[in-house]
């Protein structure tokens, strides 16, 4: 529906197609950054810090992974988050493995 009377249907569809991209982007940012879901008081300073922290997290993900993702295919914040989680888990597994390898080596040297 539109209130534009003297506009061609193709123009209206073009405008809605552009607007749909904006809506999807806003939904992704709100869902991916959990804006509106954080538990903060009504204190304006705390609310602004929570929004700033979310935006910084988004920018960090884009900085870390956005360039690689943009070269392959269209990407989303959710894909960047997933990649970050996988990298953190791999690092944790590698650290745990190195720790156990050191312990095993220490026990072998003591025996």
Protein backbone atom coordinates (compact mmCIF):
# COMPACT_ATOMS: atom_id res chain seq x y z
CA UNK A 1 0.00 0.00 0.00
CA UNK A 2 1.12 3.50 -0.69
CA UNK A 3 -0.28 6.97 -0.61
CA UNK A 4 1.67 7.97 -3.71
CA UNK A 5 -0.95 8.44 -6.43
CA UNK A 6 0.99 9.61 -9.49
CA UNK A 7 3.79 7.07 -9.36
CA UNK A 8 4.34 4.07 -11.61
CA UNK A 9 4.15 0.62 -10.08
CA UNK A 10 7.77 -0.06 -11.03
CA UNK A 11 8.87 3.02 -9.06
CA UNK A 12 6.90 1.91 -5.99
CA UNK A 13 8.39 -1.59 -6.23
CA UNK A 14 11.86 -0.11 -6.56
CA UNK A 15 11.34 2.04 -3.47
CA UNK A 16 10.04 -0.93 -1.47
CA UNK A 17 12.93 -3.11 -2.62
CA UNK A 18 15.37 -0.49 -1.37
CA UNK A 19 13.46 -0.12 1.89
CA UNK A 20 13.39 -3.90 2.40
CA UNK A 21 17.21 -3.97 2.36
CA UNK A 22 17.24 -1.28 5.02
CA UNK A 23 14.71 -3.20 7.16
CA UNK A 24 16.71 -6.43 6.92
CA UNK A 25 19.89 -4.59 7.90
CA UNK A 26 18.20 -2.99 10.91
CA UNK A 27 16.72 -6.33 12.01
CA UNK A 28 20.10 -8.04 11.69
CA UNK A 29 21.85 -5.35 13.72
CA UNK A 30 19.21 -5.40 16.46
CA UNK A 31 19.17 -9.19 16.63
CA UNK A 32 22.89 -9.72 16.25
CA UNK A 33 23.90 -7.00 18.67
CA UNK A 34 21.03 -7.73 21.07
CA UNK A 35 20.03 -4.09 21.12
CA UNK A 36 17.03 -3.65 23.37
CA UNK A 37 17.71 -6.96 25.15
CA UNK A 38 20.48 -5.85 27.49
CA UNK A 39 19.63 -5.44 31.11
CA UNK A 40 20.42 -1.85 31.86
CA UNK A 41 18.65 0.63 34.05
CA UNK A 42 16.83 3.64 32.71
CA UNK A 43 19.98 5.65 33.34
CA UNK A 44 20.70 7.29 29.99
CA UNK A 45 24.47 6.99 30.42
CA UNK A 46 24.28 3.22 30.97
CA UNK A 47 21.99 2.79 27.98
CA UNK A 48 24.33 4.78 25.73
CA UNK A 49 27.31 2.73 26.95
CA UNK A 50 25.49 -0.53 26.22
CA UNK A 51 24.70 0.65 22.68
CA UNK A 52 28.28 1.85 22.19
CA UNK A 53 29.63 -1.50 23.41
CA UNK A 54 27.39 -3.38 20.99
CA UNK A 55 28.47 -1.20 18.08
CA UNK A 56 32.14 -1.66 19.05
CA UNK A 57 31.64 -5.44 19.08
CA UNK A 58 30.08 -5.24 15.62
CA UNK A 59 32.94 -3.11 14.30
CA UNK A 60 35.47 -5.52 15.77
CA UNK A 61 33.82 -8.46 14.00
CA UNK A 62 33.75 -6.54 10.72
CA UNK A 63 37.40 -5.59 11.16
CA UNK A 64 38.47 -9.14 11.98
CA UNK A 65 36.41 -11.05 9.42
CA UNK A 66 34.51 -8.69 7.16
CA UNK A 67 37.16 -8.32 4.50
CA UNK A 68 37.51 -12.08 4.01
CA UNK A 69 33.76 -12.62 3.98
CA UNK A 70 33.12 -9.77 1.53
CA UNK A 71 35.44 -11.36 -1.00
CA UNK A 72 33.54 -14.66 -1.01
CA UNK A 73 29.83 -13.87 -1.02
CA UNK A 74 27.26 -11.69 0.77
CA UNK A 75 27.78 -11.93 4.52
CA UNK A 76 25.84 -11.16 7.65
CA UNK A 77 26.59 -10.28 11.22
CA UNK A 78 25.44 -13.74 12.27
CA UNK A 79 28.05 -15.38 10.02
CA UNK A 80 30.76 -13.14 11.47
CA UNK A 81 29.67 -14.07 15.00
CA UNK A 82 29.72 -17.76 14.13
CA UNK A 83 33.21 -17.47 12.69
CA UNK A 84 34.37 -15.66 15.83
CA UNK A 85 32.91 -18.38 18.07
CA UNK A 86 34.61 -21.10 16.05
CA UNK A 87 37.95 -19.30 16.27
CA UNK A 88 37.62 -18.84 20.04
CA UNK A 89 36.77 -22.53 20.50
CA UNK A 90 39.70 -23.60 18.32
CA UNK A 91 42.06 -21.40 20.30
CA UNK A 92 40.78 -22.87 23.56
CA UNK A 93 41.19 -26.41 22.26
CA UNK A 94 44.74 -25.64 21.06
CA UNK A 95 45.65 -24.11 24.44
CA UNK A 96 44.27 -27.11 26.30
CA UNK A 97 46.13 -29.51 24.04
CA UNK A 98 49.42 -27.65 24.52
CA UNK A 99 48.87 -27.65 28.28
CA UNK A 100 48.34 -31.41 28.35
CA UNK A 101 51.30 -32.02 26.04
CA UNK A 102 53.51 -30.07 28.48
CA UNK A 103 52.16 -32.09 31.42
CA UNK A 104 52.73 -35.39 29.59
CA UNK A 105 56.27 -34.33 28.69
CA UNK A 106 56.89 -33.27 32.29
CA UNK A 107 55.72 -36.67 33.59
CA UNK A 108 57.80 -38.49 31.00
CA UNK A 109 60.92 -36.54 31.99
CA UNK A 110 60.26 -37.24 35.67
CA UNK A 111 59.90 -41.00 35.07
